[in-house]
């Protein structure tokens, strides 16, 4: 949803960079090592914030951040992987 909302936003300053880093974060190499994803998500958040991304993009970013926090908590608790 985040990637689609950025692609469909009509563009904002840094949208192309945000898409690049989202693609990087969803690559097989990163998905196999989920601990690499939070720094990329933070980078995307910073790009979107500085570029004044539309509200829908920021809302989708927040949803993804919350899910990533839950996943990281579950990994640390030994519930995943």
PDB file of N, CA and C in Angstrom:
ATOM      1  N   UNK A   1       0.815  -1.188   0.000  1.00  0.00           N
ATOM      2  CA  UNK A   1       0.000   0.000   0.000  1.00  0.00           C
ATOM      3  C   UNK A   1       0.865   1.262   0.000  1.00  0.00           C
ATOM      4  N   UNK A   2       1.945   1.226   0.749  1.00  0.00           N
ATOM      5  CA  UNK A   2       2.808   2.404   0.825  1.00  0.00           C
ATOM      6  C   UNK A   2       3.391   2.725  -0.543  1.00  0.00           C
ATOM      7  N   UNK A   3       3.936   1.724  -1.196  1.00  0.00           N
ATOM      8  CA  UNK A   3       4.552   1.959  -2.504  1.00  0.00           C
ATOM      9  C   UNK A   3       3.522   2.499  -3.494  1.00  0.00           C
ATOM     10  N   UNK A   4       2.352   1.877  -3.516  1.00  0.00           N
ATOM     11  CA  UNK A   4       1.299   2.326  -4.428  1.00  0.00           C
ATOM     12  C   UNK A   4       0.875   3.759  -4.135  1.00  0.00           C
ATOM     13  N   UNK A   5       0.748   4.107  -2.856  1.00  0.00           N
ATOM     14  CA  UNK A   5       0.311   5.462  -2.523  1.00  0.00           C
ATOM     15  C   UNK A   5       1.353   6.499  -2.951  1.00  0.00           C
ATOM     16  N   UNK A   6       2.637   6.147  -2.877  1.00  0.00           N
ATOM     17  CA  UNK A   6       3.678   7.066  -3.339  1.00  0.00           C
ATOM     18  C   UNK A   6       3.637   7.173  -4.862  1.00  0.00           C
ATOM     19  N   UNK A   7       3.531   6.026  -5.531  1.00  0.00           N
ATOM     20  CA  UNK A   7       3.516   6.023  -7.000  1.00  0.00           C
ATOM     21  C   UNK A   7       2.309   6.779  -7.551  1.00  0.00           C
ATOM     22  N   UNK A   8       1.182   6.702  -6.842  1.00  0.00           N
ATOM     23  CA  UNK A   8      -0.039   7.348  -7.309  1.00  0.00           C
ATOM     24  C   UNK A   8      -0.226   8.767  -6.776  1.00  0.00           C
ATOM     25  N   UNK A   9       0.710   9.243  -5.992  1.00  0.00           N
ATOM     26  CA  UNK A   9       0.556  10.549  -5.334  1.00  0.00           C
ATOM     27  C   UNK A   9       0.694  11.731  -6.293  1.00  0.00           C
ATOM     28  N   UNK A  10       1.185  11.499  -7.469  1.00  0.00           N
ATOM     29  CA  UNK A  10       1.448  12.605  -8.382  1.00  0.00           C
ATOM     30  C   UNK A  10       2.817  13.197  -8.153  1.00  0.00           C
ATOM     31  N   UNK A  11       3.546  12.619  -7.232  1.00  0.00           N
ATOM     32  CA  UNK A  11       4.914  13.050  -6.965  1.00  0.00           C
ATOM     33  C   UNK A  11       5.019  14.085  -5.874  1.00  0.00           C
ATOM     34  N   UNK A  12       6.088  14.043  -5.164  1.00  0.00           N
ATOM     35  CA  UNK A  12       6.486  15.019  -4.161  1.00  0.00           C
ATOM     36  C   UNK A  12       7.993  14.987  -4.136  1.00  0.00           C
ATOM     37  N   UNK A  13       8.599  15.942  -3.529  1.00  0.00           N
ATOM     38  CA  UNK A  13      10.053  16.021  -3.507  1.00  0.00           C
ATOM     39  C   UNK A  13      10.627  14.774  -2.845  1.00  0.00           C
ATOM     40  N   UNK A  14      11.356  13.977  -3.586  1.00  0.00           N
ATOM     41  CA  UNK A  14      11.978  12.768  -3.061  1.00  0.00           C
ATOM     42  C   UNK A  14      11.183  11.495  -3.301  1.00  0.00           C
ATOM     43  N   UNK A  15      10.045  11.591  -3.979  1.00  0.00           N
ATOM     44  CA  UNK A  15       9.218  10.400  -4.205  1.00  0.00           C
ATOM     45  C   UNK A  15       9.999   9.305  -4.922  1.00  0.00           C
ATOM     46  N   UNK A  16      10.808   9.672  -5.888  1.00  0.00           N
ATOM     47  CA  UNK A  16      11.583   8.669  -6.618  1.00  0.00           C
ATOM     48  C   UNK A  16      12.583   7.972  -5.711  1.00  0.00           C
ATOM     49  N   UNK A  17      13.200   8.714  -4.805  1.00  0.00           N
ATOM     50  CA  UNK A  17      14.141   8.109  -3.848  1.00  0.00           C
ATOM     51  C   UNK A  17      13.402   7.200  -2.874  1.00  0.00           C
ATOM     52  N   UNK A  18      12.234   7.630  -2.430  1.00  0.00           N
ATOM     53  CA  UNK A  18      11.443   6.798  -1.516  1.00  0.00           C
ATOM     54  C   UNK A  18      11.083   5.477  -2.184  1.00  0.00           C
ATOM     55  N   UNK A  19      10.665   5.529  -3.437  1.00  0.00           N
ATOM     56  CA  UNK A  19      10.331   4.303  -4.164  1.00  0.00           C
ATOM     57  C   UNK A  19      11.549   3.393  -4.303  1.00  0.00           C
ATOM     58  N   UNK A  20      12.699   3.985  -4.587  1.00  0.00           N
ATOM     59  CA  UNK A  20      13.928   3.199  -4.707  1.00  0.00           C
ATOM     60  C   UNK A  20      14.203   2.440  -3.402  1.00  0.00           C
ATOM     61  N   UNK A  21      14.095   3.128  -2.266  1.00  0.00           N
ATOM     62  CA  UNK A  21      14.404   2.497  -0.980  1.00  0.00           C
ATOM     63  C   UNK A  21      13.324   1.495  -0.571  1.00  0.00           C
ATOM     64  N   UNK A  22      12.088   1.720  -0.969  1.00  0.00           N
ATOM     65  CA  UNK A  22      11.042   0.725  -0.723  1.00  0.00           C
ATOM     66  C   UNK A  22      11.347  -0.533  -1.520  1.00  0.00           C
ATOM     67  N   UNK A  23      11.744  -0.371  -2.758  1.00  0.00           N
ATOM     68  CA  UNK A  23      12.116  -1.529  -3.569  1.00  0.00           C
ATOM     69  C   UNK A  23      13.294  -2.278  -2.946  1.00  0.00           C
ATOM     70  N   UNK A  24      14.240  -1.533  -2.427  1.00  0.00           N
ATOM     71  CA  UNK A  24      15.382  -2.151  -1.750  1.00  0.00           C
ATOM     72  C   UNK A  24      14.917  -2.917  -0.510  1.00  0.00           C
ATOM     73  N   UNK A  25      14.017  -2.308   0.269  1.00  0.00           N
ATOM     74  CA  UNK A  25      13.536  -2.934   1.503  1.00  0.00           C
ATOM     75  C   UNK A  25      12.723  -4.191   1.240  1.00  0.00           C
ATOM     76  N   UNK A  26      12.124  -4.290   0.064  1.00  0.00           N
ATOM     77  CA  UNK A  26      11.324  -5.475  -0.246  1.00  0.00           C
ATOM     78  C   UNK A  26      12.076  -6.468  -1.127  1.00  0.00           C
ATOM     79  N   UNK A  27      13.369  -6.256  -1.300  1.00  0.00           N
ATOM     80  CA  UNK A  27      14.167  -7.212  -2.060  1.00  0.00           C
ATOM     81  C   UNK A  27      14.321  -8.504  -1.256  1.00  0.00           C
ATOM     82  N   UNK A  28      14.583  -9.559  -1.948  1.00  0.00           N
ATOM     83  CA  UNK A  28      14.734 -10.868  -1.305  1.00  0.00           C
ATOM     84  C   UNK A  28      15.816 -10.851  -0.225  1.00  0.00           C
ATOM     85  N   UNK A  29      16.908 -10.159  -0.488  1.00  0.00           N
ATOM     86  CA  UNK A  29      18.012 -10.125   0.468  1.00  0.00           C
ATOM     87  C   UNK A  29      17.586  -9.503   1.802  1.00  0.00           C
ATOM     88  N   UNK A  30      16.799  -8.449   1.748  1.00  0.00           N
ATOM     89  CA  UNK A  30      16.362  -7.769   2.978  1.00  0.00           C
ATOM     90  C   UNK A  30      15.233  -8.547   3.640  1.00  0.00           C
ATOM     91  N   UNK A  31      14.306  -9.052   2.861  1.00  0.00           N
ATOM     92  CA  UNK A  31      13.188  -9.801   3.432  1.00  0.00           C
ATOM     93  C   UNK A  31      13.691 -11.033   4.172  1.00  0.00           C
ATOM     94  N   UNK A  32      14.766 -11.622   3.688  1.00  0.00           N
ATOM     95  CA  UNK A  32      15.352 -12.775   4.384  1.00  0.00           C
ATOM     96  C   UNK A  32      15.991 -12.378   5.707  1.00  0.00           C
ATOM     97  N   UNK A  33      16.358 -11.125   5.850  1.00  0.00           N
ATOM     98  CA  UNK A  33      16.982 -10.616   7.086  1.00  0.00           C
ATOM     99  C   UNK A  33      16.207  -9.375   7.522  1.00  0.00           C
ATOM    100  N   UNK A  34      15.090  -9.613   8.168  1.00  0.00           N
ATOM    101  CA  UNK A  34      14.178  -8.511   8.505  1.00  0.00           C
ATOM    102  C   UNK A  34      14.807  -7.431   9.388  1.00  0.00           C
ATOM    103  N   UNK A  35      15.886  -7.761  10.070  1.00  0.00           N
ATOM    104  CA  UNK A  35      16.542  -6.743  10.898  1.00  0.00           C
ATOM    105  C   UNK A  35      17.120  -5.605  10.057  1.00  0.00           C
ATOM    106  N   UNK A  36      17.278  -5.827   8.752  1.00  0.00           N
ATOM    107  CA  UNK A  36      17.778  -4.780   7.856  1.00  0.00           C
ATOM    108  C   UNK A  36      16.675  -3.804   7.431  1.00  0.00           C
ATOM    109  N   UNK A  37      15.425  -4.179   7.639  1.00  0.00           N
ATOM    110  CA  UNK A  37      14.325  -3.367   7.135  1.00  0.00           C
ATOM    111  C   UNK A  37      14.064  -2.082   7.942  1.00  0.00           C
ATOM    112  N   UNK A  38      14.119  -2.076   9.271  1.00  0.00           N
ATOM    113  CA  UNK A  38      13.814  -0.838  10.006  1.00  0.00           C
ATOM    114  C   UNK A  38      14.657   0.380   9.604  1.00  0.00           C
ATOM    115  N   UNK A  39      15.963   0.242   9.373  1.00  0.00           N
ATOM    116  CA  UNK A  39      16.711   1.426   8.945  1.00  0.00           C
ATOM    117  C   UNK A  39      16.249   1.953   7.578  1.00  0.00           C
ATOM    118  N   UNK A  40      15.876   1.052   6.688  1.00  0.00           N
ATOM    119  CA  UNK A  40      15.368   1.488   5.384  1.00  0.00           C
ATOM    120  C   UNK A  40      14.016   2.166   5.527  1.00  0.00           C
ATOM    121  N   UNK A  41      13.189   1.650   6.415  1.00  0.00           N
ATOM    122  CA  UNK A  41      11.886   2.267   6.672  1.00  0.00           C
ATOM    123  C   UNK A  41      12.060   3.666   7.268  1.00  0.00           C
ATOM    124  N   UNK A  42      13.023   3.819   8.151  1.00  0.00           N
ATOM    125  CA  UNK A  42      13.311   5.145   8.721  1.00  0.00           C
ATOM    126  C   UNK A  42      13.775   6.109   7.635  1.00  0.00           C
ATOM    127  N   UNK A  43      14.603   5.628   6.741  1.00  0.00           N
ATOM    128  CA  UNK A  43      15.069   6.451   5.627  1.00  0.00           C
ATOM    129  C   UNK A  43      13.893   6.902   4.762  1.00  0.00           C
ATOM    130  N   UNK A  44      12.988   5.988   4.453  1.00  0.00           N
ATOM    131  CA  UNK A  44      11.804   6.329   3.661  1.00  0.00           C
ATOM    132  C   UNK A  44      10.946   7.338   4.407  1.00  0.00           C
ATOM    133  N   UNK A  45      10.780   7.146   5.712  1.00  0.00           N
ATOM    134  CA  UNK A  45      10.001   8.093   6.521  1.00  0.00           C
ATOM    135  C   UNK A  45      10.615   9.498   6.456  1.00  0.00           C
ATOM    136  N   UNK A  46      11.923   9.576   6.586  1.00  0.00           N
ATOM    137  CA  UNK A  46      12.596  10.876   6.539  1.00  0.00           C
ATOM    138  C   UNK A  46      12.423  11.543   5.174  1.00  0.00           C
ATOM    139  N   UNK A  47      12.562  10.770   4.113  1.00  0.00           N
ATOM    140  CA  UNK A  47      12.390  11.311   2.762  1.00  0.00           C
ATOM    141  C   UNK A  47      10.967  11.842   2.594  1.00  0.00           C
ATOM    142  N   UNK A  48       9.995  11.060   3.025  1.00  0.00           N
ATOM    143  CA  UNK A  48       8.593  11.460   2.872  1.00  0.00           C
ATOM    144  C   UNK A  48       8.265  12.688   3.729  1.00  0.00           C
ATOM    145  N   UNK A  49       8.797  12.738   4.924  1.00  0.00           N
ATOM    146  CA  UNK A  49       8.550  13.882   5.806  1.00  0.00           C
ATOM    147  C   UNK A  49       9.171  15.144   5.222  1.00  0.00           C
ATOM    148  N   UNK A  50      10.427  15.052   4.819  1.00  0.00           N
ATOM    149  CA  UNK A  50      11.110  16.220   4.259  1.00  0.00           C
ATOM    150  C   UNK A  50      10.493  16.660   2.945  1.00  0.00           C
ATOM    151  N   UNK A  51       9.977  15.703   2.169  1.00  0.00           N
ATOM    152  CA  UNK A  51       9.386  16.023   0.875  1.00  0.00           C
ATOM    153  C   UNK A  51       7.930  16.431   0.960  1.00  0.00           C
ATOM    154  N   UNK A  52       7.404  16.482   2.200  1.00  0.00           N
ATOM    155  CA  UNK A  52       6.004  16.855   2.418  1.00  0.00           C
ATOM    156  C   UNK A  52       5.054  15.954   1.623  1.00  0.00           C
ATOM    157  N   UNK A  53       5.225  14.648   1.826  1.00  0.00           N
ATOM    158  CA  UNK A  53       4.378  13.657   1.155  1.00  0.00           C
ATOM    159  C   UNK A  53       2.924  13.847   1.572  1.00  0.00           C
ATOM    160  N   UNK A  54       1.993  13.472   0.701  1.00  0.00           N
ATOM    161  CA  UNK A  54       0.571  13.583   1.026  1.00  0.00           C
ATOM    162  C   UNK A  54       0.195  12.756   2.263  1.00  0.00           C
ATOM    163  N   UNK A  55      -0.919  13.124   2.861  1.00  0.00           N
ATOM    164  CA  UNK A  55      -1.364  12.467   4.093  1.00  0.00           C
ATOM    165  C   UNK A  55      -1.525  10.954   3.909  1.00  0.00           C
ATOM    166  N   UNK A  56      -2.080  10.519   2.789  1.00  0.00           N
ATOM    167  CA  UNK A  56      -2.275   9.083   2.557  1.00  0.00           C
ATOM    168  C   UNK A  56      -0.945   8.333   2.628  1.00  0.00           C
ATOM    169  N   UNK A  57       0.096   8.896   2.068  1.00  0.00           N
ATOM    170  CA  UNK A  57       1.424   8.278   2.113  1.00  0.00           C
ATOM    171  C   UNK A  57       1.890   8.174   3.560  1.00  0.00           C
ATOM    172  N   UNK A  58       1.741   9.251   4.310  1.00  0.00           N
ATOM    173  CA  UNK A  58       2.194   9.247   5.702  1.00  0.00           C
ATOM    174  C   UNK A  58       1.377   8.278   6.558  1.00  0.00           C
ATOM    175  N   UNK A  59       0.084   8.167   6.273  1.00  0.00           N
ATOM    176  CA  UNK A  59      -0.747   7.211   7.007  1.00  0.00           C
ATOM    177  C   UNK A  59      -0.317   5.778   6.705  1.00  0.00           C
ATOM    178  N   UNK A  60      -0.047   5.476   5.445  1.00  0.00           N
ATOM    179  CA  UNK A  60       0.423   4.139   5.084  1.00  0.00           C
ATOM    180  C   UNK A  60       1.792   3.848   5.686  1.00  0.00           C
ATOM    181  N   UNK A  61       2.626   4.843   5.762  1.00  0.00           N
ATOM    182  CA  UNK A  61       3.936   4.697   6.385  1.00  0.00           C
ATOM    183  C   UNK A  61       3.787   4.380   7.874  1.00  0.00           C
ATOM    184  N   UNK A  62       2.848   5.029   8.529  1.00  0.00           N
ATOM    185  CA  UNK A  62       2.609   4.770   9.952  1.00  0.00           C
ATOM    186  C   UNK A  62       2.089   3.355  10.173  1.00  0.00           C
ATOM    187  N   UNK A  63       1.174   2.896   9.321  1.00  0.00           N
ATOM    188  CA  UNK A  63       0.662   1.523   9.420  1.00  0.00           C
ATOM    189  C   UNK A  63       1.801   0.527   9.271  1.00  0.00           C
ATOM    190  N   UNK A  64       2.645   0.740   8.281  1.00  0.00           N
ATOM    191  CA  UNK A  64       3.778  -0.155   8.056  1.00  0.00           C
ATOM    192  C   UNK A  64       4.750  -0.120   9.231  1.00  0.00           C
ATOM    193  N   UNK A  65       4.991   1.047   9.781  1.00  0.00           N
ATOM    194  CA  UNK A  65       5.896   1.169  10.926  1.00  0.00           C
ATOM    195  C   UNK A  65       5.368   0.392  12.125  1.00  0.00           C
ATOM    196  N   UNK A  66       4.077   0.491  12.367  1.00  0.00           N
ATOM    197  CA  UNK A  66       3.480  -0.248  13.483  1.00  0.00           C
ATOM    198  C   UNK A  66       3.596  -1.753  13.278  1.00  0.00           C
ATOM    199  N   UNK A  67       3.341  -2.209  12.058  1.00  0.00           N
ATOM    200  CA  UNK A  67       3.482  -3.630  11.759  1.00  0.00           C
ATOM    201  C   UNK A  67       4.926  -4.094  11.923  1.00  0.00           C
ATOM    202  N   UNK A  68       5.858  -3.275  11.464  1.00  0.00           N
ATOM    203  CA  UNK A  68       7.277  -3.630  11.581  1.00  0.00           C
ATOM    204  C   UNK A  68       7.691  -3.707  13.052  1.00  0.00           C
ATOM    205  N   UNK A  69       7.183  -2.800  13.878  1.00  0.00           N
ATOM    206  CA  UNK A  69       7.472  -2.846  15.321  1.00  0.00           C
ATOM    207  C   UNK A  69       6.963  -4.156  15.931  1.00  0.00           C
ATOM    208  N   UNK A  70       5.752  -4.558  15.557  1.00  0.00           N
ATOM    209  CA  UNK A  70       5.192  -5.812  16.063  1.00  0.00           C
ATOM    210  C   UNK A  70       6.040  -7.000  15.624  1.00  0.00           C
ATOM    211  N   UNK A  71       6.444  -7.004  14.381  1.00  0.00           N
ATOM    212  CA  UNK A  71       7.259  -8.100  13.857  1.00  0.00           C
ATOM    213  C   UNK A  71       8.590  -8.168  14.594  1.00  0.00           C
ATOM    214  N   UNK A  72       9.232  -7.029  14.790  1.00  0.00           N
ATOM    215  CA  UNK A  72      10.523  -7.008  15.492  1.00  0.00           C
ATOM    216  C   UNK A  72      10.363  -7.497  16.932  1.00  0.00           C
ATOM    217  N   UNK A  73       9.269  -7.124  17.586  1.00  0.00           N
ATOM    218  CA  UNK A  73       8.994  -7.593  18.953  1.00  0.00           C
ATOM    219  C   UNK A  73       8.821  -9.108  18.969  1.00  0.00           C
ATOM    220  N   UNK A  74       8.078  -9.640  18.012  1.00  0.00           N
ATOM    221  CA  UNK A  74       7.879 -11.079  17.926  1.00  0.00           C
ATOM    222  C   UNK A  74       9.175 -11.823  17.636  1.00  0.00           C
ATOM    223  N   UNK A  75      10.017 -11.261  16.800  1.00  0.00           N
ATOM    224  CA  UNK A  75      11.311 -11.885  16.507  1.00  0.00           C
ATOM    225  C   UNK A  75      12.152 -11.948  17.772  1.00  0.00           C
ATOM    226  N   UNK A  76      12.223 -10.824  18.502  1.00  0.00           N
ATOM    227  CA  UNK A  76      13.019 -10.810  19.746  1.00  0.00           C
ATOM    228  C   UNK A  76      12.473 -11.794  20.781  1.00  0.00           C
ATOM    229  N   UNK A  77      11.143 -11.990  20.786  1.00  0.00           N
ATOM    230  CA  UNK A  77      10.520 -12.914  21.743  1.00  0.00           C
ATOM    231  C   UNK A  77      10.610 -14.353  21.282  1.00  0.00           C
ATOM    232  N   UNK A  78      11.179 -14.574  20.096  1.00  0.00           N
ATOM    233  CA  UNK A  78      11.331 -15.926  19.584  1.00  0.00           C
ATOM    234  C   UNK A  78      10.070 -16.502  18.960  1.00  0.00           C
ATOM    235  N   UNK A  79       9.088 -15.652  18.700  1.00  0.00           N
ATOM    236  CA  UNK A  79       7.836 -16.116  18.094  1.00  0.00           C
ATOM    237  C   UNK A  79       7.944 -16.307  16.591  1.00  0.00           C
ATOM    238  N   UNK A  80       8.911 -15.660  15.977  1.00  0.00           N
ATOM    239  CA  UNK A  80       9.109 -15.754  14.525  1.00  0.00           C
ATOM    240  C   UNK A  80      10.550 -16.151  14.258  1.00  0.00           C
ATOM    241  N   UNK A  81      10.748 -16.771  13.123  1.00  0.00           N
ATOM    242  CA  UNK A  81      12.073 -17.181  12.645  1.00  0.00           C
ATOM    243  C   UNK A  81      12.695 -18.102  13.617  1.00  0.00           C
TER     244      UNK A  81
END
